[in-house]
Amino acid sequence: MNKAIFLDRDGVINRSDDTYYIHRPQDFAINEGVVEALMELQKRGYLLIVITNQGGISRGIYTHQDVERLHRIMLDEFERNGVRIEEIYYCPHHPELEECLCHKPRSLMLEKALARFQVHPGNAYFIGDSERDVEAAHRAGVHPVKVDCNQDLRSLLGRF
């Protein structure tokens, strides 16, 4: 079985300050220490998978294409530094507008990734900056790792 690190996007991978719905390239900046931390986790044999709510799609604030463009920018930056993201799962729904099974704190995105990449939940961690990330991890049987928004992930490396 594989082992994996699941990562929330906004506030964990990229800076989240004044803009709640990050969808424009000019608002996207990878947090300090993320690249180095992910390189080290990858060296330790962890698959890296992003799990993110993108409810701004449902609200009509941005589109799937906007999200995919931002993800391409993020993936390109990681690839330039030797970091491989296996997959990005995102939920386009917003719970105030529609019912779904994937919007965190629900765990469908995590469950799909666990099955697809043959990861036992006990061999997986979900790094997130919100209680809904922690709850999704618990629901999927994955170890939650709660961080502060925009925290340098290098400070976590001793936990893995």
C-alpha atoms as a PDB file:
ATOM      1  CA  MET A   1       0.000   0.000   0.000  1.00  0.00           C
ATOM      2  CA  ASN A   2       1.048   3.553  -0.682  1.00  0.00           C
ATOM      3  CA  LYS A   3       1.222   6.409   1.776  1.00  0.00           C
ATOM      4  CA  ALA A   4      -0.028   9.914   1.061  1.00  0.00           C
ATOM      5  CA  ILE A   5      -0.105  13.504   2.187  1.00  0.00           C
ATOM      6  CA  PHE A   6      -3.347  15.268   1.321  1.00  0.00           C
ATOM      7  CA  LEU A   7      -3.140  19.047   1.226  1.00  0.00           C
ATOM      8  CA  ASP A   8      -5.773  21.727   1.337  1.00  0.00           C
ATOM      9  CA  ARG A   9      -4.983  24.448  -1.195  1.00  0.00           C
ATOM     10  CA  ASP A  10      -5.894  27.962  -0.038  1.00  0.00           C
ATOM     11  CA  GLY A  11      -4.049  28.847   3.159  1.00  0.00           C
ATOM     12  CA  VAL A  12      -1.891  25.705   3.104  1.00  0.00           C
ATOM     13  CA  ILE A  13      -0.259  25.601  -0.334  1.00  0.00           C
ATOM     14  CA  ASN A  14      -0.920  29.174  -1.369  1.00  0.00           C
ATOM     15  CA  ARG A  15      -1.288  32.439   0.464  1.00  0.00           C
ATOM     16  CA  SER A  16      -4.782  33.281   1.667  1.00  0.00           C
ATOM     17  CA  ASP A  17      -5.179  36.792   2.980  1.00  0.00           C
ATOM     18  CA  ASP A  18      -7.709  39.344   1.800  1.00  0.00           C
ATOM     19  CA  THR A  19      -9.105  37.330  -1.111  1.00  0.00           C
ATOM     20  CA  TYR A  20     -11.378  34.487   0.034  1.00  0.00           C
ATOM     21  CA  TYR A  21     -12.088  33.073  -3.412  1.00  0.00           C
ATOM     22  CA  ILE A  22      -8.637  32.833  -4.939  1.00  0.00           C
ATOM     23  CA  HIS A  23      -9.043  32.359  -8.677  1.00  0.00           C
ATOM     24  CA  ARG A  24      -6.940  35.010 -10.434  1.00  0.00           C
ATOM     25  CA  PRO A  25      -3.280  34.338 -11.194  1.00  0.00           C
ATOM     26  CA  GLN A  26      -2.247  37.679  -9.676  1.00  0.00           C
ATOM     27  CA  ASP A  27      -3.776  36.609  -6.323  1.00  0.00           C
ATOM     28  CA  PHE A  28      -1.958  33.258  -6.277  1.00  0.00           C
ATOM     29  CA  ALA A  29       1.352  32.914  -4.400  1.00  0.00           C
ATOM     30  CA  ILE A  30       2.807  29.714  -2.981  1.00  0.00           C
ATOM     31  CA  ASN A  31       3.498  29.974   0.745  1.00  0.00           C
ATOM     32  CA  GLU A  32       7.053  30.089   2.035  1.00  0.00           C
ATOM     33  CA  GLY A  33       8.478  26.659   2.746  1.00  0.00           C
ATOM     34  CA  VAL A  34       5.834  24.702   0.824  1.00  0.00           C
ATOM     35  CA  VAL A  35       8.093  23.636  -2.041  1.00  0.00           C
ATOM     36  CA  GLU A  36      10.889  22.536   0.298  1.00  0.00           C
ATOM     37  CA  ALA A  37       8.486  20.657   2.609  1.00  0.00           C
ATOM     38  CA  LEU A  38       6.796  18.868  -0.280  1.00  0.00           C
ATOM     39  CA  MET A  39      10.162  17.923  -1.777  1.00  0.00           C
ATOM     40  CA  GLU A  40      11.151  16.329   1.525  1.00  0.00           C
ATOM     41  CA  LEU A  41       7.813  14.519   1.966  1.00  0.00           C
ATOM     42  CA  GLN A  42       8.096  13.206  -1.573  1.00  0.00           C
ATOM     43  CA  LYS A  43      11.620  11.933  -0.804  1.00  0.00           C
ATOM     44  CA  ARG A  44      10.134  10.097   2.180  1.00  0.00           C
ATOM     45  CA  GLY A  45       7.834   8.226  -0.200  1.00  0.00           C
ATOM     46  CA  TYR A  46       4.582  10.110   0.248  1.00  0.00           C
ATOM     47  CA  LEU A  47       2.223  10.688  -2.670  1.00  0.00           C
ATOM     48  CA  LEU A  48       1.100  14.332  -2.718  1.00  0.00           C
ATOM     49  CA  ILE A  49      -2.577  14.998  -3.435  1.00  0.00           C
ATOM     50  CA  VAL A  50      -4.510  18.276  -3.233  1.00  0.00           C
ATOM     51  CA  ILE A  51      -8.053  18.306  -1.809  1.00  0.00           C
ATOM     52  CA  THR A  52      -9.831  21.671  -2.084  1.00  0.00           C
ATOM     53  CA  ASN A  53     -13.283  23.226  -1.905  1.00  0.00           C
ATOM     54  CA  GLN A  54     -13.927  25.646  -4.754  1.00  0.00           C
ATOM     55  CA  GLY A  55     -17.456  26.836  -3.953  1.00  0.00           C
ATOM     56  CA  GLY A  56     -16.890  30.051  -5.899  1.00  0.00           C
ATOM     57  CA  ILE A  57     -17.753  28.044  -9.017  1.00  0.00           C
ATOM     58  CA  SER A  58     -21.236  27.309  -7.699  1.00  0.00           C
ATOM     59  CA  ARG A  59     -21.619  30.938  -6.645  1.00  0.00           C
ATOM     60  CA  GLY A  60     -20.717  32.109 -10.163  1.00  0.00           C
ATOM     61  CA  ILE A  61     -17.659  34.023  -8.983  1.00  0.00           C
ATOM     62  CA  TYR A  62     -15.315  32.031 -11.230  1.00  0.00           C
ATOM     63  CA  THR A  63     -15.371  29.020 -13.550  1.00  0.00           C
ATOM     64  CA  HIS A  64     -13.900  25.535 -13.763  1.00  0.00           C
ATOM     65  CA  GLN A  65     -11.513  26.974 -16.373  1.00  0.00           C
ATOM     66  CA  ASP A  66     -10.320  29.610 -13.879  1.00  0.00           C
ATOM     67  CA  VAL A  67      -9.587  26.895 -11.308  1.00  0.00           C
ATOM     68  CA  GLU A  68      -7.836  24.709 -13.853  1.00  0.00           C
ATOM     69  CA  ARG A  69      -5.702  27.645 -15.058  1.00  0.00           C
ATOM     70  CA  LEU A  70      -4.629  28.382 -11.476  1.00  0.00           C
ATOM     71  CA  HIS A  71      -3.889  24.710 -10.881  1.00  0.00           C
ATOM     72  CA  ARG A  72      -1.733  24.629 -14.015  1.00  0.00           C
ATOM     73  CA  ILE A  73       0.277  27.586 -12.674  1.00  0.00           C
ATOM     74  CA  MET A  74       0.699  25.787  -9.341  1.00  0.00           C
ATOM     75  CA  LEU A  75       1.665  22.479 -10.964  1.00  0.00           C
ATOM     76  CA  ASP A  76       4.166  24.187 -13.266  1.00  0.00           C
ATOM     77  CA  GLU A  77       5.847  25.842 -10.285  1.00  0.00           C
ATOM     78  CA  PHE A  78       6.036  22.555  -8.422  1.00  0.00           C
ATOM     79  CA  GLU A  79       7.348  20.680 -11.481  1.00  0.00           C
ATOM     80  CA  ARG A  80      10.116  23.267 -11.948  1.00  0.00           C
ATOM     81  CA  ASN A  81      11.217  22.363  -8.416  1.00  0.00           C
ATOM     82  CA  GLY A  82      10.895  18.594  -8.770  1.00  0.00           C
ATOM     83  CA  VAL A  83       7.635  18.253  -6.836  1.00  0.00           C
ATOM     84  CA  ARG A  84       5.014  15.924  -8.280  1.00  0.00           C
ATOM     85  CA  ILE A  85       1.369  16.362  -7.359  1.00  0.00           C
ATOM     86  CA  GLU A  86      -0.407  13.102  -8.185  1.00  0.00           C
ATOM     87  CA  GLU A  87      -3.857  14.634  -8.501  1.00  0.00           C
ATOM     88  CA  ILE A  88      -5.993  17.610  -7.560  1.00  0.00           C
ATOM     89  CA  TYR A  89      -9.523  16.937  -6.371  1.00  0.00           C
ATOM     90  CA  TYR A  90     -11.811  19.922  -6.060  1.00  0.00           C
ATOM     91  CA  CYS A  91     -15.445  20.384  -5.146  1.00  0.00           C
ATOM     92  CA  PRO A  92     -17.213  23.055  -7.223  1.00  0.00           C
ATOM     93  CA  HIS A  93     -20.338  23.065  -5.039  1.00  0.00           C
ATOM     94  CA  HIS A  94     -21.377  25.415  -2.267  1.00  0.00           C
ATOM     95  CA  PRO A  95     -23.468  23.991   0.586  1.00  0.00           C
ATOM     96  CA  GLU A  96     -25.696  27.071   0.738  1.00  0.00           C
ATOM     97  CA  LEU A  97     -26.708  26.527  -2.890  1.00  0.00           C
ATOM     98  CA  GLU A  98     -26.689  22.775  -3.467  1.00  0.00           C
ATOM     99  CA  GLU A  99     -26.273  19.453  -1.730  1.00  0.00           C
ATOM    100  CA  CYS A 100     -23.268  17.284  -2.548  1.00  0.00           C
ATOM    101  CA  LEU A 101     -21.132  14.555  -1.047  1.00  0.00           C
ATOM    102  CA  CYS A 102     -17.744  16.055  -1.843  1.00  0.00           C
ATOM    103  CA  HIS A 103     -17.659  19.479  -0.141  1.00  0.00           C
ATOM    104  CA  LYS A 104     -15.446  19.328   2.928  1.00  0.00           C
ATOM    105  CA  PRO A 105     -16.146  18.516   5.747  1.00  0.00           C
ATOM    106  CA  ARG A 106     -17.553  15.580   3.822  1.00  0.00           C
ATOM    107  CA  SER A 107     -14.918  13.072   2.846  1.00  0.00           C
ATOM    108  CA  LEU A 108     -15.745  11.865  -0.672  1.00  0.00           C
ATOM    109  CA  MET A 109     -12.715  13.525  -2.299  1.00  0.00           C
ATOM    110  CA  LEU A 110     -10.421  11.880   0.250  1.00  0.00           C
ATOM    111  CA  GLU A 111     -12.144   8.522  -0.147  1.00  0.00           C
ATOM    112  CA  LYS A 112     -11.794   8.656  -3.942  1.00  0.00           C
ATOM    113  CA  ALA A 113      -8.086   9.437  -3.649  1.00  0.00           C
ATOM    114  CA  LEU A 114      -7.509   6.685  -1.078  1.00  0.00           C
ATOM    115  CA  ALA A 115      -9.125   4.131  -3.392  1.00  0.00           C
ATOM    116  CA  ARG A 116      -7.530   5.347  -6.617  1.00  0.00           C
ATOM    117  CA  PHE A 117      -3.994   5.496  -5.240  1.00  0.00           C
ATOM    118  CA  GLN A 118      -4.330   2.420  -3.002  1.00  0.00           C
ATOM    119  CA  VAL A 119      -3.560   4.253   0.223  1.00  0.00           C
ATOM    120  CA  HIS A 120      -4.626   2.836   3.567  1.00  0.00           C
ATOM    121  CA  PRO A 121      -6.118   5.681   5.656  1.00  0.00           C
ATOM    122  CA  GLY A 122      -3.705   4.871   8.469  1.00  0.00           C
ATOM    123  CA  ASN A 123      -0.849   5.699   6.083  1.00  0.00           C
ATOM    124  CA  ALA A 124      -2.247   9.108   5.169  1.00  0.00           C
ATOM    125  CA  TYR A 125      -2.268  12.625   6.596  1.00  0.00           C
ATOM    126  CA  PHE A 126      -4.441  15.574   5.645  1.00  0.00           C
ATOM    127  CA  ILE A 127      -2.813  18.968   6.176  1.00  0.00           C
ATOM    128  CA  GLY A 128      -5.451  21.673   6.427  1.00  0.00           C
ATOM    129  CA  ASP A 129      -6.017  25.055   7.996  1.00  0.00           C
ATOM    130  CA  SER A 130      -9.694  24.707   8.945  1.00  0.00           C
ATOM    131  CA  GLU A 131     -11.892  22.579  11.167  1.00  0.00           C
ATOM    132  CA  ARG A 132     -13.697  21.274   8.082  1.00  0.00           C
ATOM    133  CA  ASP A 133     -10.363  19.829   6.862  1.00  0.00           C
ATOM    134  CA  VAL A 134      -9.891  18.119  10.233  1.00  0.00           C
ATOM    135  CA  GLU A 135     -13.440  16.756  10.162  1.00  0.00           C
ATOM    136  CA  ALA A 136     -13.039  15.443   6.596  1.00  0.00           C
ATOM    137  CA  ALA A 137      -9.833  13.685   7.655  1.00  0.00           C
ATOM    138  CA  HIS A 138     -11.571  12.069  10.626  1.00  0.00           C
ATOM    139  CA  ARG A 139     -14.482  10.928   8.461  1.00  0.00           C
ATOM    140  CA  ALA A 140     -12.097   9.260   5.999  1.00  0.00           C
ATOM    141  CA  GLY A 141      -9.954   7.711   8.755  1.00  0.00           C
ATOM    142  CA  VAL A 142      -6.952   9.834   7.781  1.00  0.00           C
ATOM    143  CA  HIS A 143      -4.663  11.532  10.325  1.00  0.00           C
ATOM    144  CA  PRO A 144      -5.544  15.250  10.478  1.00  0.00           C
ATOM    145  CA  VAL A 145      -2.772  17.836  10.729  1.00  0.00           C
ATOM    146  CA  LYS A 146      -4.193  21.290  11.516  1.00  0.00           C
ATOM    147  CA  VAL A 147      -1.961  24.223  10.629  1.00  0.00           C
ATOM    148  CA  ASP A 148      -2.330  27.966  10.852  1.00  0.00           C
ATOM    149  CA  CYS A 149      -3.285  29.760   7.671  1.00  0.00           C
ATOM    150  CA  ASN A 150      -0.127  30.412   5.589  1.00  0.00           C
ATOM    151  CA  GLN A 151       2.095  28.449   8.002  1.00  0.00           C
ATOM    152  CA  ASP A 152       5.533  27.355   6.817  1.00  0.00           C
ATOM    153  CA  LEU A 153       5.089  23.594   6.310  1.00  0.00           C
ATOM    154  CA  ARG A 154       8.756  22.881   6.982  1.00  0.00           C
ATOM    155  CA  SER A 155       7.881  23.170  10.673  1.00  0.00           C
ATOM    156  CA  LEU A 156       5.768  19.989  10.362  1.00  0.00           C
ATOM    157  CA  LEU A 157       8.371  17.659   8.907  1.00  0.00           C
ATOM    158  CA  GLY A 158       9.126  16.045  12.259  1.00  0.00           C
ATOM    159  CA  ARG A 159       5.583  14.636  12.369  1.00  0.00           C
ATOM    160  CA  PHE A 160       5.962  12.389   9.321  1.00  0.00           C
END
